[in-house]
mmCIF file of all heavy atoms, coordinates in Angstrom:
data_MODEL
# 
_entry.id   MODEL 
# 
loop_
_atom_site.group_PDB 
_atom_site.id 
_atom_site.type_symbol 
_atom_site.label_atom_id 
_atom_site.label_alt_id 
_atom_site.label_comp_id 
_atom_site.label_asym_id 
_atom_site.label_entity_id 
_atom_site.label_seq_id 
_atom_site.pdbx_PDB_ins_code 
_atom_site.Cartn_x 
_atom_site.Cartn_y 
_atom_site.Cartn_z 
_atom_site.occupancy 
_atom_site.B_iso_or_equiv 
_atom_site.pdbx_formal_charge 
_atom_site.auth_seq_id 
_atom_site.auth_comp_id 
_atom_site.auth_asym_id 
_atom_site.auth_atom_id 
_atom_site.pdbx_PDB_model_num 
ATOM 1   N N   . LYS A 1 1  ? 100.384 103.415 92.973  1.00 0.00 ? 1  LYS A N   1 
ATOM 2   C CA  . LYS A 1 1  ? 101.380 102.491 93.351  1.00 0.00 ? 1  LYS A CA  1 
ATOM 3   C C   . LYS A 1 1  ? 101.987 101.836 92.049  1.00 0.00 ? 1  LYS A C   1 
ATOM 4   O O   . LYS A 1 1  ? 101.273 101.660 91.119  1.00 0.00 ? 1  LYS A O   1 
ATOM 5   C CB  . LYS A 1 1  ? 100.861 101.401 94.273  1.00 0.00 ? 1  LYS A CB  1 
ATOM 6   C CG  . LYS A 1 1  ? 100.342 101.853 95.617  1.00 0.00 ? 1  LYS A CG  1 
ATOM 7   C CD  . LYS A 1 1  ? 99.793  100.694 96.433  1.00 0.00 ? 1  LYS A CD  1 
ATOM 8   C CE  . LYS A 1 1  ? 99.271  101.197 97.824  1.00 0.00 ? 1  LYS A CE  1 
ATOM 9   N NZ  . LYS A 1 1  ? 98.737  100.055 98.605  1.00 0.00 ? 1  LYS A NZ  1 
ATOM 10  N N   . ILE A 1 2  ? 103.268 101.620 92.119  1.00 0.00 ? 2  ILE A N   1 
ATOM 11  C CA  . ILE A 1 2  ? 103.920 100.938 90.954  1.00 0.00 ? 2  ILE A CA  1 
ATOM 12  C C   . ILE A 1 2  ? 104.079 99.480  91.244  1.00 0.00 ? 2  ILE A C   1 
ATOM 13  O O   . ILE A 1 2  ? 104.521 99.076  92.306  1.00 0.00 ? 2  ILE A O   1 
ATOM 14  C CB  . ILE A 1 2  ? 105.337 101.524 90.687  1.00 0.00 ? 2  ILE A CB  1 
ATOM 15  C CG1 . ILE A 1 2  ? 105.268 103.051 90.708  1.00 0.00 ? 2  ILE A CG1 1 
ATOM 16  C CG2 . ILE A 1 2  ? 105.938 100.973 89.382  1.00 0.00 ? 2  ILE A CG2 1 
ATOM 17  C CD1 . ILE A 1 2  ? 104.520 103.647 89.544  1.00 0.00 ? 2  ILE A CD1 1 
ATOM 18  N N   . LEU A 1 3  ? 103.586 98.619  90.340  1.00 0.00 ? 3  LEU A N   1 
ATOM 19  C CA  . LEU A 1 3  ? 103.564 97.131  90.511  1.00 0.00 ? 3  LEU A CA  1 
ATOM 20  C C   . LEU A 1 3  ? 104.526 96.507  89.505  1.00 0.00 ? 3  LEU A C   1 
ATOM 21  O O   . LEU A 1 3  ? 104.665 96.997  88.404  1.00 0.00 ? 3  LEU A O   1 
ATOM 22  C CB  . LEU A 1 3  ? 102.172 96.650  90.415  1.00 0.00 ? 3  LEU A CB  1 
ATOM 23  C CG  . LEU A 1 3  ? 101.035 97.252  91.149  1.00 0.00 ? 3  LEU A CG  1 
ATOM 24  C CD1 . LEU A 1 3  ? 99.715  96.573  90.869  1.00 0.00 ? 3  LEU A CD1 1 
ATOM 25  C CD2 . LEU A 1 3  ? 101.334 97.194  92.665  1.00 0.00 ? 3  LEU A CD2 1 
ATOM 26  N N   . ASN A 1 4  ? 105.018 95.349  89.882  1.00 0.00 ? 4  ASN A N   1 
ATOM 27  C CA  . ASN A 1 4  ? 105.833 94.632  88.913  1.00 0.00 ? 4  ASN A CA  1 
ATOM 28  C C   . ASN A 1 4  ? 104.902 93.740  88.016  1.00 0.00 ? 4  ASN A C   1 
ATOM 29  O O   . ASN A 1 4  ? 103.679 93.786  88.253  1.00 0.00 ? 4  ASN A O   1 
ATOM 30  C CB  . ASN A 1 4  ? 106.927 93.738  89.653  1.00 0.00 ? 4  ASN A CB  1 
ATOM 31  C CG  . ASN A 1 4  ? 106.313 92.752  90.560  1.00 0.00 ? 4  ASN A CG  1 
ATOM 32  O OD1 . ASN A 1 4  ? 105.201 92.358  90.467  1.00 0.00 ? 4  ASN A OD1 1 
ATOM 33  N ND2 . ASN A 1 4  ? 107.109 92.387  91.549  1.00 0.00 ? 4  ASN A ND2 1 
ATOM 34  N N   . ALA A 1 5  ? 105.478 92.949  87.143  1.00 0.00 ? 5  ALA A N   1 
ATOM 35  C CA  . ALA A 1 5  ? 104.655 92.169  86.193  1.00 0.00 ? 5  ALA A CA  1 
ATOM 36  C C   . ALA A 1 5  ? 103.751 91.118  86.982  1.00 0.00 ? 5  ALA A C   1 
ATOM 37  O O   . ALA A 1 5  ? 102.800 90.676  86.357  1.00 0.00 ? 5  ALA A O   1 
ATOM 38  C CB  . ALA A 1 5  ? 105.531 91.454  85.182  1.00 0.00 ? 5  ALA A CB  1 
ATOM 39  N N   . LYS A 1 6  ? 104.167 90.756  88.209  1.00 0.00 ? 6  LYS A N   1 
ATOM 40  C CA  . LYS A 1 6  ? 103.391 89.754  88.948  1.00 0.00 ? 6  LYS A CA  1 
ATOM 41  C C   . LYS A 1 6  ? 102.337 90.391  89.740  1.00 0.00 ? 6  LYS A C   1 
ATOM 42  O O   . LYS A 1 6  ? 101.582 89.678  90.440  1.00 0.00 ? 6  LYS A O   1 
ATOM 43  C CB  . LYS A 1 6  ? 104.365 88.996  89.789  1.00 0.00 ? 6  LYS A CB  1 
ATOM 44  C CG  . LYS A 1 6  ? 105.300 88.116  89.002  1.00 0.00 ? 6  LYS A CG  1 
ATOM 45  C CD  . LYS A 1 6  ? 106.212 87.309  89.967  1.00 0.00 ? 6  LYS A CD  1 
ATOM 46  C CE  . LYS A 1 6  ? 107.213 86.482  89.144  1.00 0.00 ? 6  LYS A CE  1 
ATOM 47  N NZ  . LYS A 1 6  ? 108.146 85.660  90.082  1.00 0.00 ? 6  LYS A NZ  1 
ATOM 48  N N   . GLY A 1 7  ? 102.183 91.740  89.724  1.00 0.00 ? 7  GLY A N   1 
ATOM 49  C CA  . GLY A 1 7  ? 101.140 92.477  90.465  1.00 0.00 ? 7  GLY A CA  1 
ATOM 50  C C   . GLY A 1 7  ? 101.531 92.766  91.860  1.00 0.00 ? 7  GLY A C   1 
ATOM 51  O O   . GLY A 1 7  ? 100.737 93.251  92.693  1.00 0.00 ? 7  GLY A O   1 
ATOM 52  N N   . SER A 1 8  ? 102.803 92.553  92.191  1.00 0.00 ? 8  SER A N   1 
ATOM 53  C CA  . SER A 1 8  ? 103.299 92.891  93.572  1.00 0.00 ? 8  SER A CA  1 
ATOM 54  C C   . SER A 1 8  ? 104.018 94.332  93.571  1.00 0.00 ? 8  SER A C   1 
ATOM 55  O O   . SER A 1 8  ? 104.464 94.768  92.473  1.00 0.00 ? 8  SER A O   1 
ATOM 56  C CB  . SER A 1 8  ? 104.332 91.917  94.050  1.00 0.00 ? 8  SER A CB  1 
ATOM 57  O OG  . SER A 1 8  ? 103.774 90.628  94.088  1.00 0.00 ? 8  SER A OG  1 
ATOM 58  N N   . PRO A 1 9  ? 103.964 94.998  94.792  1.00 0.00 ? 9  PRO A N   1 
ATOM 59  C CA  . PRO A 1 9  ? 104.639 96.341  94.705  1.00 0.00 ? 9  PRO A CA  1 
ATOM 60  C C   . PRO A 1 9  ? 106.114 96.249  94.257  1.00 0.00 ? 9  PRO A C   1 
ATOM 61  O O   . PRO A 1 9  ? 106.836 95.344  94.691  1.00 0.00 ? 9  PRO A O   1 
ATOM 62  C CB  . PRO A 1 9  ? 104.589 96.712  96.222  1.00 0.00 ? 9  PRO A CB  1 
ATOM 63  C CG  . PRO A 1 9  ? 103.424 95.998  96.708  1.00 0.00 ? 9  PRO A CG  1 
ATOM 64  C CD  . PRO A 1 9  ? 103.372 94.648  96.009  1.00 0.00 ? 9  PRO A CD  1 
ATOM 65  N N   . GLU A 1 10 ? 106.467 97.159  93.359  1.00 0.00 ? 10 GLU A N   1 
ATOM 66  C CA  . GLU A 1 10 ? 107.876 97.169  92.839  1.00 0.00 ? 10 GLU A CA  1 
ATOM 67  C C   . GLU A 1 10 ? 108.783 97.711  93.891  1.00 0.00 ? 10 GLU A C   1 
ATOM 68  O O   . GLU A 1 10 ? 108.632 98.821  94.337  1.00 0.00 ? 10 GLU A O   1 
ATOM 69  C CB  . GLU A 1 10 ? 107.957 98.088  91.503  1.00 0.00 ? 10 GLU A CB  1 
ATOM 70  C CG  . GLU A 1 10 ? 109.276 98.227  90.976  1.00 0.00 ? 10 GLU A CG  1 
ATOM 71  C CD  . GLU A 1 10 ? 109.994 96.952  90.679  1.00 0.00 ? 10 GLU A CD  1 
ATOM 72  O OE1 . GLU A 1 10 ? 109.479 96.168  89.881  1.00 0.00 ? 10 GLU A OE1 1 
ATOM 73  O OE2 . GLU A 1 10 ? 111.042 96.716  91.345  1.00 0.00 ? 10 GLU A OE2 1 
ATOM 74  N N   . THR A 1 11 ? 109.787 96.871  94.279  1.00 0.00 ? 11 THR A N   1 
ATOM 75  C CA  . THR A 1 11 ? 110.684 97.239  95.347  1.00 0.00 ? 11 THR A CA  1 
ATOM 76  C C   . THR A 1 11 ? 111.797 98.185  94.958  1.00 0.00 ? 11 THR A C   1 
ATOM 77  O O   . THR A 1 11 ? 112.502 98.762  95.783  1.00 0.00 ? 11 THR A O   1 
ATOM 78  C CB  . THR A 1 11 ? 111.296 95.986  95.988  1.00 0.00 ? 11 THR A CB  1 
ATOM 79  O OG1 . THR A 1 11 ? 112.021 95.316  94.902  1.00 0.00 ? 11 THR A OG1 1 
ATOM 80  C CG2 . THR A 1 11 ? 110.226 95.079  96.623  1.00 0.00 ? 11 THR A CG2 1 
ATOM 81  N N   . ASN A 1 12 ? 111.932 98.412  93.620  1.00 0.00 ? 12 ASN A N   1 
ATOM 82  C CA  . ASN A 1 12 ? 113.023 99.318  93.168  1.00 0.00 ? 12 ASN A CA  1 
ATOM 83  C C   . ASN A 1 12 ? 112.610 100.805 93.099  1.00 0.00 ? 12 ASN A C   1 
ATOM 84  O O   . ASN A 1 12 ? 113.373 101.633 92.652  1.00 0.00 ? 12 ASN A O   1 
ATOM 85  C CB  . ASN A 1 12 ? 113.482 98.951  91.767  1.00 0.00 ? 12 ASN A CB  1 
ATOM 86  C CG  . ASN A 1 12 ? 114.437 97.715  91.835  1.00 0.00 ? 12 ASN A CG  1 
ATOM 87  O OD1 . ASN A 1 12 ? 115.462 97.788  92.578  1.00 0.00 ? 12 ASN A OD1 1 
ATOM 88  N ND2 . ASN A 1 12 ? 114.063 96.659  91.151  1.00 0.00 ? 12 ASN A ND2 1 
ATOM 89  N N   . ILE A 1 13 ? 111.410 101.124 93.586  1.00 0.00 ? 13 ILE A N   1 
ATOM 90  C CA  . ILE A 1 13 ? 110.908 102.531 93.582  1.00 0.00 ? 13 ILE A CA  1 
ATOM 91  C C   . ILE A 1 13 ? 111.532 103.223 94.758  1.00 0.00 ? 13 ILE A C   1 
ATOM 92  O O   . ILE A 1 13 ? 111.584 102.713 95.884  1.00 0.00 ? 13 ILE A O   1 
ATOM 93  C CB  . ILE A 1 13 ? 109.408 102.601 93.616  1.00 0.00 ? 13 ILE A CB  1 
ATOM 94  C CG1 . ILE A 1 13 ? 108.736 101.984 92.379  1.00 0.00 ? 13 ILE A CG1 1 
ATOM 95  C CG2 . ILE A 1 13 ? 108.976 104.066 93.812  1.00 0.00 ? 13 ILE A CG2 1 
ATOM 96  C CD1 . ILE A 1 13 ? 109.173 102.654 91.043  1.00 0.00 ? 13 ILE A CD1 1 
ATOM 97  N N   . LYS A 1 14 ? 112.059 104.404 94.569  1.00 0.00 ? 14 LYS A N   1 
ATOM 98  C CA  . LYS A 1 14 ? 112.696 105.204 95.587  1.00 0.00 ? 14 LYS A CA  1 
ATOM 99  C C   . LYS A 1 14 ? 111.779 106.317 96.111  1.00 0.00 ? 14 LYS A C   1 
ATOM 100 O O   . LYS A 1 14 ? 111.359 107.125 95.401  1.00 0.00 ? 14 LYS A O   1 
ATOM 101 C CB  . LYS A 1 14 ? 114.012 105.874 95.047  1.00 0.00 ? 14 LYS A CB  1 
ATOM 102 C CG  . LYS A 1 14 ? 114.993 104.787 94.510  1.00 0.00 ? 14 LYS A CG  1 
ATOM 103 C CD  . LYS A 1 14 ? 116.328 105.445 94.099  1.00 0.00 ? 14 LYS A CD  1 
ATOM 104 C CE  . LYS A 1 14 ? 116.095 106.550 92.982  1.00 0.00 ? 14 LYS A CE  1 
ATOM 105 N NZ  . LYS A 1 14 ? 117.419 106.962 92.466  1.00 0.00 ? 14 LYS A NZ  1 
ATOM 106 N N   . GLY A 1 15 ? 111.544 106.261 97.415  1.00 0.00 ? 15 GLY A N   1 
ATOM 107 C CA  . GLY A 1 15 ? 110.766 107.308 98.051  1.00 0.00 ? 15 GLY A CA  1 
ATOM 108 C C   . GLY A 1 15 ? 109.409 107.459 97.659  1.00 0.00 ? 15 GLY A C   1 
ATOM 109 O O   . GLY A 1 15 ? 108.776 106.463 97.184  1.00 0.00 ? 15 GLY A O   1 
ATOM 110 N N   . ASN A 1 16 ? 108.778 108.627 97.830  1.00 0.00 ? 16 ASN A N   1 
ATOM 111 C CA  . ASN A 1 16 ? 107.423 108.876 97.568  1.00 0.00 ? 16 ASN A CA  1 
ATOM 112 C C   . ASN A 1 16 ? 107.109 109.097 96.068  1.00 0.00 ? 16 ASN A C   1 
ATOM 113 O O   . ASN A 1 16 ? 107.955 109.664 95.344  1.00 0.00 ? 16 ASN A O   1 
ATOM 114 C CB  . ASN A 1 16 ? 106.899 110.117 98.397  1.00 0.00 ? 16 ASN A CB  1 
ATOM 115 C CG  . ASN A 1 16 ? 107.099 109.877 99.866  1.00 0.00 ? 16 ASN A CG  1 
ATOM 116 O OD1 . ASN A 1 16 ? 106.886 108.749 100.401 1.00 0.00 ? 16 ASN A OD1 1 
ATOM 117 N ND2 . ASN A 1 16 ? 107.393 110.972 100.492 1.00 0.00 ? 16 ASN A ND2 1 
ATOM 118 N N   . ILE A 1 17 ? 105.947 108.716 95.632  1.00 0.00 ? 17 ILE A N   1 
ATOM 119 C CA  . ILE A 1 17 ? 105.542 109.009 94.312  1.00 0.00 ? 17 ILE A CA  1 
ATOM 120 C C   . ILE A 1 17 ? 104.854 110.364 94.303  1.00 0.00 ? 17 ILE A C   1 
ATOM 121 O O   . ILE A 1 17 ? 104.025 110.612 95.065  1.00 0.00 ? 17 ILE A O   1 
ATOM 122 C CB  . ILE A 1 17 ? 104.555 107.931 93.762  1.00 0.00 ? 17 ILE A CB  1 
ATOM 123 C CG1 . ILE A 1 17 ? 105.295 106.628 93.664  1.00 0.00 ? 17 ILE A CG1 1 
ATOM 124 C CG2 . ILE A 1 17 ? 103.978 108.320 92.414  1.00 0.00 ? 17 ILE A CG2 1 
ATOM 125 C CD1 . ILE A 1 17 ? 104.400 105.375 93.317  1.00 0.00 ? 17 ILE A CD1 1 
ATOM 126 N N   . ILE A 1 18 ? 105.263 111.218 93.404  1.00 0.00 ? 18 ILE A N   1 
ATOM 127 C CA  . ILE A 1 18 ? 104.776 112.602 93.310  1.00 0.00 ? 18 ILE A CA  1 
ATOM 128 C C   . ILE A 1 18 ? 103.706 112.756 92.272  1.00 0.00 ? 18 ILE A C   1 
ATOM 129 O O   . ILE A 1 18 ? 103.868 112.325 91.158  1.00 0.00 ? 18 ILE A O   1 
ATOM 130 C CB  . ILE A 1 18 ? 105.877 113.616 92.991  1.00 0.00 ? 18 ILE A CB  1 
ATOM 131 C CG1 . ILE A 1 18 ? 107.062 113.465 94.003  1.00 0.00 ? 18 ILE A CG1 1 
ATOM 132 C CG2 . ILE A 1 18 ? 105.459 115.065 92.886  1.00 0.00 ? 18 ILE A CG2 1 
ATOM 133 C CD1 . ILE A 1 18 ? 106.683 113.800 95.465  1.00 0.00 ? 18 ILE A CD1 1 
ATOM 134 N N   . ILE A 1 19 ? 102.542 113.259 92.770  1.00 0.00 ? 19 ILE A N   1 
ATOM 135 C CA  . ILE A 1 19 ? 101.359 113.492 91.830  1.00 0.00 ? 19 ILE A CA  1 
ATOM 136 C C   . ILE A 1 19 ? 101.098 114.997 91.709  1.00 0.00 ? 19 ILE A C   1 
ATOM 137 O O   . ILE A 1 19 ? 100.889 115.567 92.772  1.00 0.00 ? 19 ILE A O   1 
ATOM 138 C CB  . ILE A 1 19 ? 100.187 112.721 92.256  1.00 0.00 ? 19 ILE A CB  1 
ATOM 139 C CG1 . ILE A 1 19 ? 100.450 111.218 92.332  1.00 0.00 ? 19 ILE A CG1 1 
ATOM 140 C CG2 . ILE A 1 19 ? 99.015  112.939 91.255  1.00 0.00 ? 19 ILE A CG2 1 
ATOM 141 C CD1 . ILE A 1 19 ? 99.331  110.407 92.917  1.00 0.00 ? 19 ILE A CD1 1 
ATOM 142 N N   . ASN A 1 20 ? 101.201 115.573 90.592  1.00 0.00 ? 20 ASN A N   1 
ATOM 143 C CA  . ASN A 1 20 ? 100.813 116.985 90.441  1.00 0.00 ? 20 ASN A CA  1 
ATOM 144 C C   . ASN A 1 20 ? 99.652  117.034 89.436  1.00 0.00 ? 20 ASN A C   1 
ATOM 145 O O   . ASN A 1 20 ? 99.009  116.073 89.175  1.00 0.00 ? 20 ASN A O   1 
ATOM 146 C CB  . ASN A 1 20 ? 101.997 117.875 90.110  1.00 0.00 ? 20 ASN A CB  1 
ATOM 147 C CG  . ASN A 1 20 ? 102.679 117.442 88.830  1.00 0.00 ? 20 ASN A CG  1 
ATOM 148 O OD1 . ASN A 1 20 ? 102.008 117.010 87.859  1.00 0.00 ? 20 ASN A OD1 1 
ATOM 149 N ND2 . ASN A 1 20 ? 103.965 117.689 88.766  1.00 0.00 ? 20 ASN A ND2 1 
ATOM 150 N N   . ASN A 1 21 ? 99.396  118.256 88.865  1.00 0.00 ? 21 ASN A N   1 
ATOM 151 C CA  . ASN A 1 21 ? 98.218  118.408 88.070  1.00 0.00 ? 21 ASN A CA  1 
ATOM 152 C C   . ASN A 1 21 ? 98.246  117.761 86.750  1.00 0.00 ? 21 ASN A C   1 
ATOM 153 O O   . ASN A 1 21 ? 97.229  117.518 86.087  1.00 0.00 ? 21 ASN A O   1 
ATOM 154 C CB  . ASN A 1 21 ? 98.029  119.955 87.894  1.00 0.00 ? 21 ASN A CB  1 
ATOM 155 C CG  . ASN A 1 21 ? 96.538  120.285 87.526  1.00 0.00 ? 21 ASN A CG  1 
ATOM 156 O OD1 . ASN A 1 21 ? 95.626  119.665 88.158  1.00 0.00 ? 21 ASN A OD1 1 
ATOM 157 N ND2 . ASN A 1 21 ? 96.351  121.207 86.617  1.00 0.00 ? 21 ASN A ND2 1 
ATOM 158 N N   . ALA A 1 22 ? 99.417  117.290 86.314  1.00 0.00 ? 22 ALA A N   1 
ATOM 159 C CA  . ALA A 1 22 ? 99.445  116.698 84.986  1.00 0.00 ? 22 ALA A CA  1 
ATOM 160 C C   . ALA A 1 22 ? 100.386 115.441 84.854  1.00 0.00 ? 22 ALA A C   1 
ATOM 161 O O   . ALA A 1 22 ? 100.455 114.776 83.830  1.00 0.00 ? 22 ALA A O   1 
ATOM 162 C CB  . ALA A 1 22 ? 99.884  117.710 83.920  1.00 0.00 ? 22 ALA A CB  1 
ATOM 163 N N   . GLN A 1 23 ? 101.179 115.207 85.960  1.00 0.00 ? 23 GLN A N   1 
ATOM 164 C CA  . GLN A 1 23 ? 102.121 114.168 85.947  1.00 0.00 ? 23 GLN A CA  1 
ATOM 165 C C   . GLN A 1 23 ? 102.069 113.324 87.215  1.00 0.00 ? 23 GLN A C   1 
ATOM 166 O O   . GLN A 1 23 ? 101.743 113.795 88.263  1.00 0.00 ? 23 GLN A O   1 
ATOM 167 C CB  . GLN A 1 23 ? 103.610 114.740 85.765  1.00 0.00 ? 23 GLN A CB  1 
ATOM 168 C CG  . GLN A 1 23 ? 103.955 115.308 84.494  1.00 0.00 ? 23 GLN A CG  1 
ATOM 169 C CD  . GLN A 1 23 ? 103.947 116.833 84.549  1.00 0.00 ? 23 GLN A CD  1 
ATOM 170 O OE1 . GLN A 1 23 ? 104.175 117.364 85.646  1.00 0.00 ? 23 GLN A OE1 1 
ATOM 171 N NE2 . GLN A 1 23 ? 103.801 117.511 83.425  1.00 0.00 ? 23 GLN A NE2 1 
ATOM 172 N N   . VAL A 1 24 ? 102.417 112.006 87.045  1.00 0.00 ? 24 VAL A N   1 
ATOM 173 C CA  . VAL A 1 24 ? 102.756 111.143 88.126  1.00 0.00 ? 24 VAL A CA  1 
ATOM 174 C C   . VAL A 1 24 ? 104.224 110.841 87.933  1.00 0.00 ? 24 VAL A C   1 
ATOM 175 O O   . VAL A 1 24 ? 104.640 110.282 86.928  1.00 0.00 ? 24 VAL A O   1 
ATOM 176 C CB  . VAL A 1 24 ? 101.940 109.887 88.082  1.00 0.00 ? 24 VAL A CB  1 
ATOM 177 C CG1 . VAL A 1 24 ? 102.299 108.888 89.157  1.00 0.00 ? 24 VAL A CG1 1 
ATOM 178 C CG2 . VAL A 1 24 ? 100.417 110.156 88.207  1.00 0.00 ? 24 VAL A CG2 1 
ATOM 179 N N   . LEU A 1 25 ? 105.098 111.182 88.977  1.00 0.00 ? 25 LEU A N   1 
ATOM 180 C CA  . LEU A 1 25 ? 106.520 111.033 88.809  1.00 0.00 ? 25 LEU A CA  1 
ATOM 181 C C   . LEU A 1 25 ? 107.084 110.046 89.933  1.00 0.00 ? 25 LEU A C   1 
ATOM 182 O O   . LEU A 1 25 ? 106.746 110.331 91.166  1.00 0.00 ? 25 LEU A O   1 
ATOM 183 C CB  . LEU A 1 25 ? 107.176 112.391 89.002  1.00 0.00 ? 25 LEU A CB  1 
ATOM 184 C CG  . LEU A 1 25 ? 108.676 112.387 88.900  1.00 0.00 ? 25 LEU A CG  1 
ATOM 185 C CD1 . LEU A 1 25 ? 109.259 111.909 87.635  1.00 0.00 ? 25 LEU A CD1 1 
ATOM 186 C CD2 . LEU A 1 25 ? 109.257 113.813 89.213  1.00 0.00 ? 25 LEU A CD2 1 
ATOM 187 N N   . ALA A 1 26 ? 107.755 109.044 89.501  1.00 0.00 ? 26 ALA A N   1 
ATOM 188 C CA  . ALA A 1 26 ? 108.376 108.126 90.426  1.00 0.00 ? 26 ALA A CA  1 
ATOM 189 C C   . ALA A 1 26 ? 109.845 107.986 90.098  1.00 0.00 ? 26 ALA A C   1 
ATOM 190 O O   . ALA A 1 26 ? 110.206 107.989 88.942  1.00 0.00 ? 26 ALA A O   1 
ATOM 191 C CB  . ALA A 1 26 ? 107.694 106.804 90.471  1.00 0.00 ? 26 ALA A CB  1 
# 
């Protein structure tokens, strides 16, 4: 999950976060 500086979920993230064998892509 991507969080803002206050520790809350970042609302500017679009769609699903993709995790593959070497990258996390948001």
